[in-house]
Amino acid sequence: MIETITAALHAPDPSMRLRAALAAGTDPDPRLVDELIARCGVDPDFFVRDMLTWALTRLPAQVTVPRLVGELGSESPQARAQALHTLSKVGDRSAWPAITGDLLHDDDAEVARAAWRAAVAVVPAGRETALAAELAGELGRGGIDVQHSLSRALAELGEATRDALTKARRHRNPRVRAHAEATARLLDDPDSDFGYELELAAKIANTGAAVQDSSPPC
């Protein structure tokens, strides 16, 4: 059975790989953990990778977490991102020390987004405010999808995010101010339209910047 699933995970047809990952999760076997993690790092199909993650969550955390942590140092952005995504689904706090500042600020946006989700999922009690301050350093980064991911992560931290957002709303960069404002709105109203709130906040922030630039020197 192990050999059959392993072979199918390498099949050219993504539907075969998807069924193999489903089989691996339906009847979880720790002997497959290394193969499942390796495939996460290279499989080109999103749905297959998602099923691989599900299969890994079906195995004991003490088996999967150390191996997933080992992937965080990979040179492959996909391997790092998928390992972080899986750690966020496992939710085991023993992974916390491995989610470093380098990962939270990774040059690859998908790695950083996965790191934000993972950090929020495993942050120890009492470390939420420090994590919020670290994440706030990414405010203003990327397009709307990246910004929404960060805002959702910050909103998950709840009231621990307030101080970091208050500081960011006074930032000299209008893009950072706008993102902080939209995040604060999301924190207050999780059902708010993030895109609309970000656009509105950006208009206000840019107007303020224009006013400051045109003000005569004191």
N, C-alpha and C. Protein backbone atom coordinates (compact mmCIF):
# COMPACT_ATOMS: atom_id res chain seq x y z
N MET A 1 0.83 -1.21 0.00
CA MET A 1 0.00 0.00 0.00
C MET A 1 0.87 1.26 0.00
N ILE A 2 1.91 1.28 0.84
CA ILE A 2 2.81 2.43 0.91
C ILE A 2 3.46 2.67 -0.45
N GLU A 3 3.91 1.59 -1.07
CA GLU A 3 4.58 1.72 -2.36
C GLU A 3 3.62 2.21 -3.43
N THR A 4 2.36 1.76 -3.36
CA THR A 4 1.36 2.17 -4.35
C THR A 4 1.07 3.66 -4.23
N ILE A 5 0.87 4.14 -3.00
CA ILE A 5 0.59 5.56 -2.78
C ILE A 5 1.80 6.41 -3.20
N THR A 6 2.98 5.97 -2.83
CA THR A 6 4.19 6.72 -3.19
C THR A 6 4.32 6.85 -4.69
N ALA A 7 4.10 5.77 -5.41
CA ALA A 7 4.19 5.82 -6.87
C ALA A 7 3.14 6.76 -7.44
N ALA A 8 1.92 6.70 -6.90
CA ALA A 8 0.83 7.53 -7.41
C ALA A 8 1.07 9.01 -7.13
N LEU A 9 1.78 9.32 -6.06
CA LEU A 9 2.08 10.72 -5.74
C LEU A 9 3.01 11.35 -6.76
N HIS A 10 3.67 10.52 -7.56
CA HIS A 10 4.58 11.00 -8.59
C HIS A 10 3.97 10.90 -9.99
N ALA A 11 2.70 10.52 -10.07
CA ALA A 11 2.06 10.33 -11.37
C ALA A 11 1.96 11.65 -12.13
N PRO A 12 2.05 11.62 -13.46
CA PRO A 12 1.90 12.86 -14.25
C PRO A 12 0.50 13.46 -14.14
N ASP A 13 -0.50 12.63 -13.95
CA ASP A 13 -1.88 13.08 -13.88
C ASP A 13 -2.19 13.63 -12.48
N PRO A 14 -2.54 14.92 -12.36
CA PRO A 14 -2.82 15.49 -11.03
C PRO A 14 -3.99 14.82 -10.32
N SER A 15 -4.95 14.28 -11.07
CA SER A 15 -6.08 13.61 -10.42
C SER A 15 -5.62 12.34 -9.72
N MET A 16 -4.62 11.68 -10.29
CA MET A 16 -4.06 10.49 -9.63
C MET A 16 -3.30 10.89 -8.37
N ARG A 17 -2.57 11.99 -8.44
CA ARG A 17 -1.83 12.45 -7.26
C ARG A 17 -2.81 12.89 -6.17
N LEU A 18 -3.91 13.51 -6.59
CA LEU A 18 -4.92 13.94 -5.62
C LEU A 18 -5.53 12.74 -4.90
N ARG A 19 -5.85 11.70 -5.66
CA ARG A 19 -6.42 10.49 -5.04
C ARG A 19 -5.40 9.82 -4.12
N ALA A 20 -4.15 9.87 -4.50
CA ALA A 20 -3.10 9.26 -3.65
C ALA A 20 -2.98 10.02 -2.34
N ALA A 21 -3.02 11.35 -2.39
CA ALA A 21 -2.96 12.15 -1.17
C ALA A 21 -4.18 11.90 -0.30
N LEU A 22 -5.34 11.76 -0.93
CA LEU A 22 -6.57 11.44 -0.19
C LEU A 22 -6.44 10.09 0.51
N ALA A 23 -5.90 9.11 -0.20
CA ALA A 23 -5.71 7.78 0.39
C ALA A 23 -4.74 7.85 1.56
N ALA A 24 -3.69 8.67 1.43
CA ALA A 24 -2.70 8.80 2.50
C ALA A 24 -3.33 9.39 3.75
N GLY A 25 -4.27 10.31 3.59
CA GLY A 25 -4.92 10.90 4.74
C GLY A 25 -6.04 10.06 5.30
N THR A 26 -6.67 9.28 4.45
CA THR A 26 -7.77 8.42 4.89
C THR A 26 -7.27 7.30 5.79
N ASP A 27 -6.12 6.78 5.45
CA ASP A 27 -5.51 5.72 6.26
C ASP A 27 -4.09 6.16 6.61
N PRO A 28 -3.95 7.12 7.54
CA PRO A 28 -2.63 7.73 7.79
C PRO A 28 -1.59 6.74 8.28
N ASP A 29 -0.40 6.87 7.71
CA ASP A 29 0.72 6.00 8.07
C ASP A 29 1.96 6.87 8.23
N PRO A 30 2.56 6.90 9.41
CA PRO A 30 3.75 7.74 9.62
C PRO A 30 4.89 7.47 8.66
N ARG A 31 4.91 6.30 8.06
CA ARG A 31 5.98 5.98 7.12
C ARG A 31 5.92 6.84 5.86
N LEU A 32 4.78 7.51 5.65
CA LEU A 32 4.61 8.34 4.46
C LEU A 32 4.96 9.81 4.70
N VAL A 33 5.27 10.17 5.92
CA VAL A 33 5.40 11.59 6.25
C VAL A 33 6.46 12.29 5.40
N ASP A 34 7.61 11.68 5.23
CA ASP A 34 8.67 12.33 4.46
C ASP A 34 8.28 12.51 3.00
N GLU A 35 7.62 11.51 2.45
CA GLU A 35 7.19 11.59 1.06
C GLU A 35 6.12 12.67 0.88
N LEU A 36 5.20 12.75 1.81
CA LEU A 36 4.14 13.77 1.73
C LEU A 36 4.73 15.18 1.80
N ILE A 37 5.66 15.38 2.72
CA ILE A 37 6.29 16.70 2.85
C ILE A 37 7.11 17.03 1.62
N ALA A 38 7.83 16.06 1.11
CA ALA A 38 8.64 16.30 -0.10
C ALA A 38 7.75 16.70 -1.27
N ARG A 39 6.61 16.03 -1.41
CA ARG A 39 5.70 16.36 -2.52
C ARG A 39 5.09 17.74 -2.34
N CYS A 40 4.85 18.15 -1.11
CA CYS A 40 4.34 19.50 -0.85
C CYS A 40 5.26 20.56 -1.46
N GLY A 41 6.54 20.30 -1.40
CA GLY A 41 7.51 21.28 -1.85
C GLY A 41 7.67 21.37 -3.34
N VAL A 42 7.13 20.40 -4.09
CA VAL A 42 7.37 20.39 -5.54
C VAL A 42 6.10 20.25 -6.38
N ASP A 43 5.01 19.77 -5.81
CA ASP A 43 3.83 19.53 -6.65
C ASP A 43 3.29 20.85 -7.20
N PRO A 44 3.01 20.93 -8.49
CA PRO A 44 2.58 22.19 -9.09
C PRO A 44 1.09 22.48 -8.95
N ASP A 45 0.32 21.51 -8.49
CA ASP A 45 -1.13 21.66 -8.44
C ASP A 45 -1.60 22.09 -7.05
N PHE A 46 -2.32 23.20 -6.97
CA PHE A 46 -2.78 23.73 -5.69
C PHE A 46 -3.64 22.71 -4.94
N PHE A 47 -4.56 22.06 -5.62
CA PHE A 47 -5.48 21.15 -4.96
C PHE A 47 -4.75 19.91 -4.43
N VAL A 48 -3.78 19.46 -5.16
CA VAL A 48 -2.97 18.34 -4.67
C VAL A 48 -2.22 18.75 -3.42
N ARG A 49 -1.60 19.93 -3.45
CA ARG A 49 -0.86 20.39 -2.27
C ARG A 49 -1.79 20.53 -1.06
N ASP A 50 -2.98 21.01 -1.30
CA ASP A 50 -3.93 21.17 -0.20
C ASP A 50 -4.31 19.80 0.39
N MET A 51 -4.46 18.82 -0.46
CA MET A 51 -4.78 17.48 0.02
C MET A 51 -3.58 16.87 0.74
N LEU A 52 -2.38 17.17 0.27
CA LEU A 52 -1.18 16.69 0.96
C LEU A 52 -1.12 17.27 2.37
N THR A 53 -1.44 18.56 2.49
CA THR A 53 -1.47 19.18 3.81
C THR A 53 -2.50 18.50 4.70
N TRP A 54 -3.67 18.25 4.14
CA TRP A 54 -4.71 17.55 4.93
C TRP A 54 -4.21 16.19 5.40
N ALA A 55 -3.55 15.46 4.51
CA ALA A 55 -3.03 14.15 4.89
C ALA A 55 -2.03 14.26 6.02
N LEU A 56 -1.20 15.30 5.98
CA LEU A 56 -0.22 15.49 7.05
C LEU A 56 -0.88 15.83 8.38
N THR A 57 -1.99 16.57 8.33
CA THR A 57 -2.68 16.90 9.59
C THR A 57 -3.32 15.68 10.22
N ARG A 58 -3.45 14.62 9.48
CA ARG A 58 -4.04 13.39 10.00
C ARG A 58 -3.02 12.55 10.77
N LEU A 59 -1.76 12.92 10.65
CA LEU A 59 -0.71 12.20 11.36
C LEU A 59 -0.41 12.89 12.69
N PRO A 60 0.18 12.19 13.65
CA PRO A 60 0.49 12.80 14.95
C PRO A 60 1.44 13.99 14.80
N ALA A 61 1.18 15.05 15.55
CA ALA A 61 2.01 16.25 15.47
C ALA A 61 3.46 15.96 15.82
N GLN A 62 3.69 15.06 16.74
CA GLN A 62 5.07 14.78 17.12
C GLN A 62 5.86 14.13 15.98
N VAL A 63 5.13 13.59 15.01
CA VAL A 63 5.78 13.02 13.83
C VAL A 63 6.00 14.08 12.76
N THR A 64 4.98 14.91 12.53
CA THR A 64 5.02 15.85 11.41
C THR A 64 5.77 17.15 11.72
N VAL A 65 5.56 17.70 12.92
CA VAL A 65 6.09 19.04 13.19
C VAL A 65 7.61 19.12 13.04
N PRO A 66 8.40 18.23 13.62
CA PRO A 66 9.86 18.35 13.44
C PRO A 66 10.28 18.31 11.98
N ARG A 67 9.61 17.49 11.18
CA ARG A 67 9.98 17.41 9.76
C ARG A 67 9.54 18.66 9.00
N LEU A 68 8.38 19.20 9.35
CA LEU A 68 7.93 20.45 8.72
C LEU A 68 8.85 21.60 9.08
N VAL A 69 9.26 21.65 10.32
CA VAL A 69 10.20 22.69 10.76
C VAL A 69 11.49 22.60 9.96
N GLY A 70 11.93 21.40 9.68
CA GLY A 70 13.13 21.22 8.88
C GLY A 70 13.02 21.81 7.48
N GLU A 71 11.80 21.86 6.96
CA GLU A 71 11.57 22.42 5.62
C GLU A 71 11.67 23.94 5.58
N LEU A 72 11.59 24.58 6.74
CA LEU A 72 11.58 26.04 6.77
C LEU A 72 12.91 26.65 6.35
N GLY A 73 13.95 25.86 6.34
CA GLY A 73 15.24 26.34 5.88
C GLY A 73 15.52 26.02 4.42
N SER A 74 14.52 25.48 3.74
CA SER A 74 14.70 25.10 2.34
C SER A 74 14.97 26.32 1.46
N GLU A 75 15.74 26.13 0.40
CA GLU A 75 15.96 27.20 -0.57
C GLU A 75 14.74 27.40 -1.48
N SER A 76 13.82 26.44 -1.46
CA SER A 76 12.62 26.51 -2.31
C SER A 76 11.52 27.30 -1.61
N PRO A 77 11.06 28.42 -2.19
CA PRO A 77 9.96 29.16 -1.57
C PRO A 77 8.70 28.32 -1.41
N GLN A 78 8.41 27.47 -2.39
CA GLN A 78 7.21 26.63 -2.27
C GLN A 78 7.32 25.69 -1.09
N ALA A 79 8.48 25.12 -0.88
CA ALA A 79 8.66 24.20 0.25
C ALA A 79 8.47 24.94 1.57
N ARG A 80 9.05 26.14 1.68
CA ARG A 80 8.89 26.92 2.90
C ARG A 80 7.43 27.31 3.12
N ALA A 81 6.80 27.80 2.06
CA ALA A 81 5.41 28.26 2.18
C ALA A 81 4.48 27.12 2.54
N GLN A 82 4.65 25.98 1.89
CA GLN A 82 3.73 24.87 2.15
C GLN A 82 3.96 24.27 3.54
N ALA A 83 5.20 24.25 3.99
CA ALA A 83 5.47 23.77 5.36
C ALA A 83 4.82 24.69 6.38
N LEU A 84 4.93 26.00 6.15
CA LEU A 84 4.30 26.96 7.06
C LEU A 84 2.78 26.82 7.03
N HIS A 85 2.24 26.65 5.83
CA HIS A 85 0.79 26.47 5.71
C HIS A 85 0.33 25.24 6.49
N THR A 86 1.10 24.17 6.37
CA THR A 86 0.73 22.94 7.08
C THR A 86 0.87 23.11 8.59
N LEU A 87 1.91 23.81 9.02
CA LEU A 87 2.07 24.08 10.45
C LEU A 87 0.90 24.90 10.99
N SER A 88 0.39 25.82 10.17
CA SER A 88 -0.76 26.61 10.62
C SER A 88 -1.99 25.73 10.79
N LYS A 89 -2.11 24.69 9.98
CA LYS A 89 -3.25 23.77 10.09
C LYS A 89 -3.08 22.80 11.25
N VAL A 90 -1.84 22.40 11.51
CA VAL A 90 -1.59 21.50 12.64
C VAL A 90 -1.81 22.24 13.95
N GLY A 91 -1.32 23.50 14.01
CA GLY A 91 -1.57 24.34 15.17
C GLY A 91 -0.83 23.94 16.43
N ASP A 92 0.28 23.24 16.29
CA ASP A 92 1.05 22.81 17.45
C ASP A 92 2.04 23.90 17.86
N ARG A 93 1.97 24.35 19.10
CA ARG A 93 2.78 25.48 19.53
C ARG A 93 4.26 25.18 19.66
N SER A 94 4.63 23.93 19.57
CA SER A 94 6.05 23.62 19.61
C SER A 94 6.78 24.17 18.38
N ALA A 95 6.02 24.53 17.34
CA ALA A 95 6.62 25.09 16.13
C ALA A 95 6.96 26.56 16.27
N TRP A 96 6.48 27.22 17.33
CA TRP A 96 6.65 28.66 17.47
C TRP A 96 8.09 29.15 17.31
N PRO A 97 9.08 28.56 17.98
CA PRO A 97 10.45 29.09 17.86
C PRO A 97 10.99 29.06 16.44
N ALA A 98 10.44 28.21 15.59
CA ALA A 98 10.95 28.08 14.22
C ALA A 98 10.40 29.14 13.28
N ILE A 99 9.36 29.85 13.70
CA ILE A 99 8.77 30.87 12.83
C ILE A 99 9.49 32.18 13.12
N THR A 100 10.57 32.37 12.45
CA THR A 100 11.50 33.46 12.73
C THR A 100 11.08 34.76 12.02
N GLY A 101 11.75 35.84 12.43
CA GLY A 101 11.54 37.11 11.75
C GLY A 101 11.89 37.03 10.27
N ASP A 102 12.89 36.25 9.93
CA ASP A 102 13.25 36.10 8.51
C ASP A 102 12.09 35.55 7.70
N LEU A 103 11.35 34.62 8.27
CA LEU A 103 10.20 34.06 7.58
C LEU A 103 9.04 35.06 7.53
N LEU A 104 8.81 35.76 8.63
CA LEU A 104 7.72 36.74 8.67
C LEU A 104 7.95 37.88 7.68
N HIS A 105 9.22 38.13 7.36
CA HIS A 105 9.57 39.20 6.42
C HIS A 105 10.22 38.64 5.15
N ASP A 106 9.91 37.40 4.83
CA ASP A 106 10.51 36.74 3.67
C ASP A 106 10.28 37.55 2.40
N ASP A 107 11.28 37.59 1.53
CA ASP A 107 11.15 38.32 0.27
C ASP A 107 10.04 37.76 -0.61
N ASP A 108 9.79 36.46 -0.49
CA ASP A 108 8.73 35.84 -1.27
C ASP A 108 7.39 36.07 -0.55
N ALA A 109 6.46 36.72 -1.22
CA ALA A 109 5.20 37.10 -0.58
C ALA A 109 4.41 35.89 -0.10
N GLU A 110 4.44 34.79 -0.86
CA GLU A 110 3.67 33.61 -0.45
C GLU A 110 4.25 32.98 0.82
N VAL A 111 5.55 33.01 0.94
CA VAL A 111 6.18 32.51 2.16
C VAL A 111 5.80 33.39 3.35
N ALA A 112 5.89 34.70 3.16
CA ALA A 112 5.55 35.62 4.24
C ALA A 112 4.09 35.46 4.66
N ARG A 113 3.19 35.36 3.69
CA ARG A 113 1.76 35.19 4.03
C ARG A 113 1.53 33.91 4.83
N ALA A 114 2.17 32.84 4.42
CA ALA A 114 2.03 31.58 5.15
C ALA A 114 2.62 31.70 6.55
N ALA A 115 3.72 32.43 6.66
CA ALA A 115 4.35 32.63 7.97
C ALA A 115 3.44 33.42 8.90
N TRP A 116 2.76 34.43 8.37
CA TRP A 116 1.84 35.22 9.20
C TRP A 116 0.74 34.33 9.76
N ARG A 117 0.17 33.50 8.89
CA ARG A 117 -0.91 32.61 9.34
C ARG A 117 -0.41 31.61 10.37
N ALA A 118 0.77 31.05 10.11
CA ALA A 118 1.31 30.06 11.02
C ALA A 118 1.63 30.68 12.38
N ALA A 119 2.22 31.87 12.37
CA ALA A 119 2.59 32.53 13.62
C ALA A 119 1.36 32.79 14.48
N VAL A 120 0.30 33.27 13.86
CA VAL A 120 -0.93 33.55 14.61
C VAL A 120 -1.53 32.26 15.16
N ALA A 121 -1.38 31.16 14.42
CA ALA A 121 -1.97 29.89 14.85
C ALA A 121 -1.24 29.27 16.04
N VAL A 122 0.06 29.56 16.17
CA VAL A 122 0.84 28.86 17.21
C VAL A 122 1.45 29.79 18.25
N VAL A 123 1.15 31.09 18.19
CA VAL A 123 1.77 32.02 19.14
C VAL A 123 1.41 31.65 20.58
N PRO A 124 2.39 31.57 21.46
CA PRO A 124 2.09 31.24 22.85
C PRO A 124 1.33 32.37 23.53
N ALA A 125 0.55 32.02 24.54
CA ALA A 125 -0.16 33.02 25.32
C ALA A 125 0.83 34.01 25.92
N GLY A 126 0.52 35.29 25.79
CA GLY A 126 1.37 36.33 26.32
C GLY A 126 2.34 36.92 25.31
N ARG A 127 2.44 36.29 24.13
CA ARG A 127 3.36 36.79 23.10
C ARG A 127 2.61 37.50 21.96
N GLU A 128 1.31 37.63 22.10
CA GLU A 128 0.51 38.19 21.00
C GLU A 128 0.88 39.64 20.67
N THR A 129 1.10 40.46 21.69
CA THR A 129 1.41 41.87 21.44
C THR A 129 2.74 42.02 20.71
N ALA A 130 3.73 41.24 21.12
CA ALA A 130 5.03 41.29 20.45
C ALA A 130 4.91 40.82 19.00
N LEU A 131 4.10 39.79 18.78
CA LEU A 131 3.90 39.32 17.41
C LEU A 131 3.20 40.39 16.57
N ALA A 132 2.20 41.04 17.15
CA ALA A 132 1.49 42.10 16.43
C ALA A 132 2.44 43.21 16.02
N ALA A 133 3.34 43.58 16.90
CA ALA A 133 4.32 44.63 16.58
C ALA A 133 5.23 44.19 15.45
N GLU A 134 5.62 42.92 15.45
CA GLU A 134 6.47 42.39 14.38
C GLU A 134 5.73 42.39 13.05
N LEU A 135 4.49 41.93 13.07
CA LEU A 135 3.69 41.88 11.85
C LEU A 135 3.39 43.27 11.31
N ALA A 136 3.23 44.22 12.20
CA ALA A 136 2.92 45.59 11.78
C ALA A 136 4.03 46.17 10.92
N GLY A 137 5.22 45.63 11.04
CA GLY A 137 6.33 46.07 10.19
C GLY A 137 6.12 45.74 8.72
N GLU A 138 5.14 44.90 8.42
CA GLU A 138 4.83 44.53 7.04
C GLU A 138 3.65 45.33 6.48
N LEU A 139 3.06 46.20 7.26
CA LEU A 139 1.94 47.00 6.77
C LEU A 139 2.36 47.82 5.56
N GLY A 140 1.50 47.83 4.56
CA GLY A 140 1.79 48.55 3.33
C GLY A 140 2.44 47.70 2.26
N ARG A 141 2.77 46.46 2.58
CA ARG A 141 3.48 45.60 1.63
C ARG A 141 2.52 45.01 0.59
N GLY A 142 2.96 44.99 -0.65
CA GLY A 142 2.29 44.24 -1.69
C GLY A 142 0.95 44.77 -2.14
N GLY A 143 0.25 43.93 -2.93
CA GLY A 143 -1.06 44.28 -3.44
C GLY A 143 -2.15 43.96 -2.44
N ILE A 144 -3.39 44.07 -2.89
CA ILE A 144 -4.51 43.95 -1.97
C ILE A 144 -4.60 42.55 -1.35
N ASP A 145 -4.26 41.50 -2.10
CA ASP A 145 -4.34 40.15 -1.54
C ASP A 145 -3.34 39.96 -0.40
N VAL A 146 -2.13 40.46 -0.61
CA VAL A 146 -1.11 40.36 0.44
C VAL A 146 -1.52 41.19 1.65
N GLN A 147 -2.00 42.39 1.40
CA GLN A 147 -2.40 43.26 2.50
C GLN A 147 -3.58 42.67 3.26
N HIS A 148 -4.51 42.07 2.53
CA HIS A 148 -5.66 41.45 3.21
C HIS A 148 -5.20 40.29 4.10
N SER A 149 -4.25 39.50 3.61
CA SER A 149 -3.72 38.39 4.42
C SER A 149 -3.12 38.89 5.72
N LEU A 150 -2.34 39.97 5.62
CA LEU A 150 -1.72 40.52 6.82
C LEU A 150 -2.78 41.08 7.77
N SER A 151 -3.76 41.77 7.23
CA SER A 151 -4.81 42.34 8.07
C SER A 151 -5.60 41.25 8.78
N ARG A 152 -5.88 40.18 8.09
CA ARG A 152 -6.60 39.07 8.73
C ARG A 152 -5.77 38.46 9.85
N ALA A 153 -4.47 38.32 9.62
CA ALA A 153 -3.60 37.78 10.66
C ALA A 153 -3.59 38.69 11.88
N LEU A 154 -3.47 39.99 11.64
CA LEU A 154 -3.47 40.94 12.75
C LEU A 154 -4.82 40.93 13.47
N ALA A 155 -5.90 40.85 12.72
CA ALA A 155 -7.22 40.83 13.33
C ALA A 155 -7.41 39.59 14.20
N GLU A 156 -6.78 38.48 13.80
CA GLU A 156 -6.87 37.24 14.60
C GLU A 156 -6.25 37.43 15.99
N LEU A 157 -5.31 38.36 16.10
CA LEU A 157 -4.67 38.60 17.39
C LEU A 157 -5.52 39.47 18.31
N GLY A 158 -6.60 40.03 17.78
CA GLY A 158 -7.56 40.77 18.60
C GLY A 158 -6.98 42.03 19.21
N GLU A 159 -7.32 42.25 20.47
CA GLU A 159 -6.93 43.49 21.15
C GLU A 159 -5.43 43.67 21.27
N ALA A 160 -4.68 42.59 21.16
CA ALA A 160 -3.22 42.68 21.23
C ALA A 160 -2.65 43.50 20.07
N THR A 161 -3.47 43.72 19.06
CA THR A 161 -3.03 44.44 17.87
C THR A 161 -3.19 45.95 18.00
N ARG A 162 -3.98 46.41 18.95
CA ARG A 162 -4.38 47.83 19.01
C ARG A 162 -3.19 48.78 19.05
N ASP A 163 -2.23 48.55 19.93
CA ASP A 163 -1.12 49.48 20.07
C ASP A 163 -0.31 49.58 18.78
N ALA A 164 -0.06 48.44 18.15
CA ALA A 164 0.72 48.43 16.91
C ALA A 164 -0.01 49.20 15.81
N LEU A 165 -1.33 49.04 15.74
CA LEU A 165 -2.10 49.75 14.71
C LEU A 165 -2.16 51.24 15.00
N THR A 166 -2.29 51.60 16.26
CA THR A 166 -2.31 53.02 16.62
C THR A 166 -1.02 53.70 16.19
N LYS A 167 0.10 53.05 16.44
CA LYS A 167 1.40 53.60 16.04
C LYS A 167 1.49 53.68 14.51
N ALA A 168 1.04 52.63 13.82
CA ALA A 168 1.15 52.60 12.36
C ALA A 168 0.26 53.63 11.70
N ARG A 169 -0.82 54.00 12.34
CA ARG A 169 -1.72 55.00 11.76
C ARG A 169 -1.11 56.41 11.79
N ARG A 170 0.02 56.54 12.47
CA ARG A 170 0.74 57.82 12.48
C ARG A 170 2.03 57.75 11.64
N HIS A 171 2.19 56.67 10.92
CA HIS A 171 3.41 56.46 10.14
C HIS A 171 3.55 57.52 9.04
N ARG A 172 4.78 57.86 8.71
CA ARG A 172 5.01 58.89 7.69
C ARG A 172 4.62 58.43 6.30
N ASN A 173 4.58 57.11 6.09
CA ASN A 173 4.23 56.57 4.77
C ASN A 173 2.71 56.44 4.67
N PRO A 174 2.06 57.15 3.74
CA PRO A 174 0.61 57.09 3.64
C PRO A 174 0.08 55.68 3.32
N ARG A 175 0.87 54.88 2.64
CA ARG A 175 0.46 53.51 2.32
C ARG A 175 0.35 52.68 3.60
N VAL A 176 1.29 52.87 4.50
CA VAL A 176 1.26 52.17 5.79
C VAL A 176 0.07 52.66 6.62
N ARG A 177 -0.13 53.96 6.63
CA ARG A 177 -1.25 54.51 7.39
C ARG A 177 -2.59 53.96 6.88
N ALA A 178 -2.74 53.91 5.58
CA ALA A 178 -3.99 53.42 4.99
C ALA A 178 -4.22 51.96 5.35
N HIS A 179 -3.16 51.16 5.25
CA HIS A 179 -3.30 49.74 5.57
C HIS A 179 -3.64 49.54 7.04
N ALA A 180 -3.02 50.31 7.90
CA ALA A 180 -3.31 50.23 9.33
C ALA A 180 -4.76 50.61 9.61
N GLU A 181 -5.23 51.65 8.94
CA GLU A 181 -6.61 52.11 9.14
C GLU A 181 -7.61 51.05 8.69
N ALA A 182 -7.36 50.45 7.53
CA ALA A 182 -8.26 49.41 7.03
C ALA A 182 -8.22 48.18 7.94
N THR A 183 -7.06 47.88 8.50
CA THR A 183 -6.94 46.74 9.41
C THR A 183 -7.71 47.00 10.70
N ALA A 184 -7.63 48.23 11.20
CA ALA A 184 -8.38 48.59 12.40
C ALA A 184 -9.87 48.44 12.17
N ARG A 185 -10.31 48.80 10.97
CA ARG A 185 -11.72 48.65 10.63
C ARG A 185 -12.11 47.17 10.60
N LEU A 186 -11.24 46.34 10.04
CA LEU A 186 -11.50 44.91 9.99
C LEU A 186 -11.55 44.32 11.40
N LEU A 187 -10.71 44.83 12.28
CA LEU A 187 -10.71 44.36 13.66
C LEU A 187 -12.04 44.69 14.34
N ASP A 188 -12.56 45.88 14.06
CA ASP A 188 -13.83 46.30 14.67
C ASP A 188 -15.03 45.63 14.02
N ASP A 189 -14.92 45.37 12.71
CA ASP A 189 -16.04 44.79 11.96
C ASP A 189 -15.51 43.74 11.00
N PRO A 190 -15.45 42.49 11.43
CA PRO A 190 -14.89 41.42 10.59
C PRO A 190 -15.63 41.24 9.27
N ASP A 191 -16.85 41.72 9.18
CA ASP A 191 -17.62 41.56 7.94
C ASP A 191 -17.46 42.75 6.99
N SER A 192 -16.62 43.70 7.34
CA SER A 192 -16.44 44.87 6.50
C SER A 192 -15.76 44.49 5.19
N ASP A 193 -15.98 45.31 4.17
CA ASP A 193 -15.39 45.11 2.85
C ASP A 193 -13.97 45.66 2.88
N PHE A 194 -12.99 44.76 2.96
CA PHE A 194 -11.61 45.21 3.13
C PHE A 194 -11.14 46.06 1.96
N GLY A 195 -11.49 45.65 0.75
CA GLY A 195 -11.05 46.41 -0.41
C GLY A 195 -11.57 47.84 -0.39
N TYR A 196 -12.83 47.99 -0.04
CA TYR A 196 -13.42 49.32 0.04
C TYR A 196 -12.77 50.14 1.15
N GLU A 197 -12.59 49.51 2.32
CA GLU A 197 -11.99 50.22 3.45
C GLU A 197 -10.56 50.65 3.14
N LEU A 198 -9.83 49.79 2.45
CA LEU A 198 -8.44 50.13 2.10
C LEU A 198 -8.40 51.28 1.11
N GLU A 199 -9.28 51.24 0.11
CA GLU A 199 -9.33 52.31 -0.88
C GLU A 199 -9.68 53.64 -0.22
N LEU A 200 -10.68 53.60 0.65
CA LEU A 200 -11.10 54.83 1.34
C LEU A 200 -9.97 55.36 2.22
N ALA A 201 -9.34 54.47 2.97
CA ALA A 201 -8.25 54.88 3.86
C ALA A 201 -7.08 55.43 3.06
N ALA A 202 -6.82 54.85 1.89
CA ALA A 202 -5.73 55.32 1.05
C ALA A 202 -6.00 56.74 0.55
N LYS A 203 -7.23 57.01 0.17
CA LYS A 203 -7.58 58.35 -0.30
C LYS A 203 -7.37 59.38 0.82
N ILE A 204 -7.81 59.02 2.00
CA ILE A 204 -7.67 59.94 3.14
C ILE A 204 -6.20 60.14 3.48
N ALA A 205 -5.43 59.03 3.51
CA ALA A 205 -4.01 59.12 3.85
C ALA A 205 -3.24 59.93 2.82
N ASN A 206 -3.56 59.73 1.55
CA ASN A 206 -2.85 60.46 0.50
C ASN A 206 -3.24 61.94 0.49
N THR A 207 -4.49 62.22 0.83
CA THR A 207 -4.91 63.61 0.93
C THR A 207 -4.15 64.32 2.04
N GLY A 208 -4.01 63.62 3.17
CA GLY A 208 -3.26 64.19 4.29
C GLY A 208 -1.81 64.43 3.93
N ALA A 209 -1.22 63.49 3.17
CA ALA A 209 0.17 63.65 2.76
C ALA A 209 0.32 64.84 1.82
N ALA A 210 -0.67 65.01 0.92
CA ALA A 210 -0.61 66.13 -0.01
C ALA A 210 -0.72 67.46 0.70
N VAL A 211 -1.58 67.51 1.72
CA VAL A 211 -1.74 68.73 2.50
C VAL A 211 -0.45 69.08 3.22
N GLN A 212 0.20 68.05 3.81
CA GLN A 212 1.45 68.28 4.52
C GLN A 212 2.54 68.77 3.57
N ASP A 213 2.59 68.18 2.38
CA ASP A 213 3.64 68.56 1.41
C ASP A 213 3.47 70.00 0.95
N SER A 214 2.19 70.46 0.91
CA SER A 214 1.95 71.81 0.39
C SER A 214 1.95 72.87 1.46
N SER A 215 2.09 72.46 2.73
CA SER A 215 2.07 73.42 3.82
C SER A 215 3.35 74.26 3.81
N PRO A 216 3.25 75.56 4.07
CA PRO A 216 4.47 76.39 4.09
C PRO A 216 5.34 76.01 5.26
N PRO A 217 6.64 76.16 5.13
CA PRO A 217 7.55 75.83 6.25
C PRO A 217 7.33 76.77 7.42
N CYS A 218 7.50 76.22 8.61
CA CYS A 218 7.31 77.03 9.83
C CYS A 218 8.51 77.95 10.04
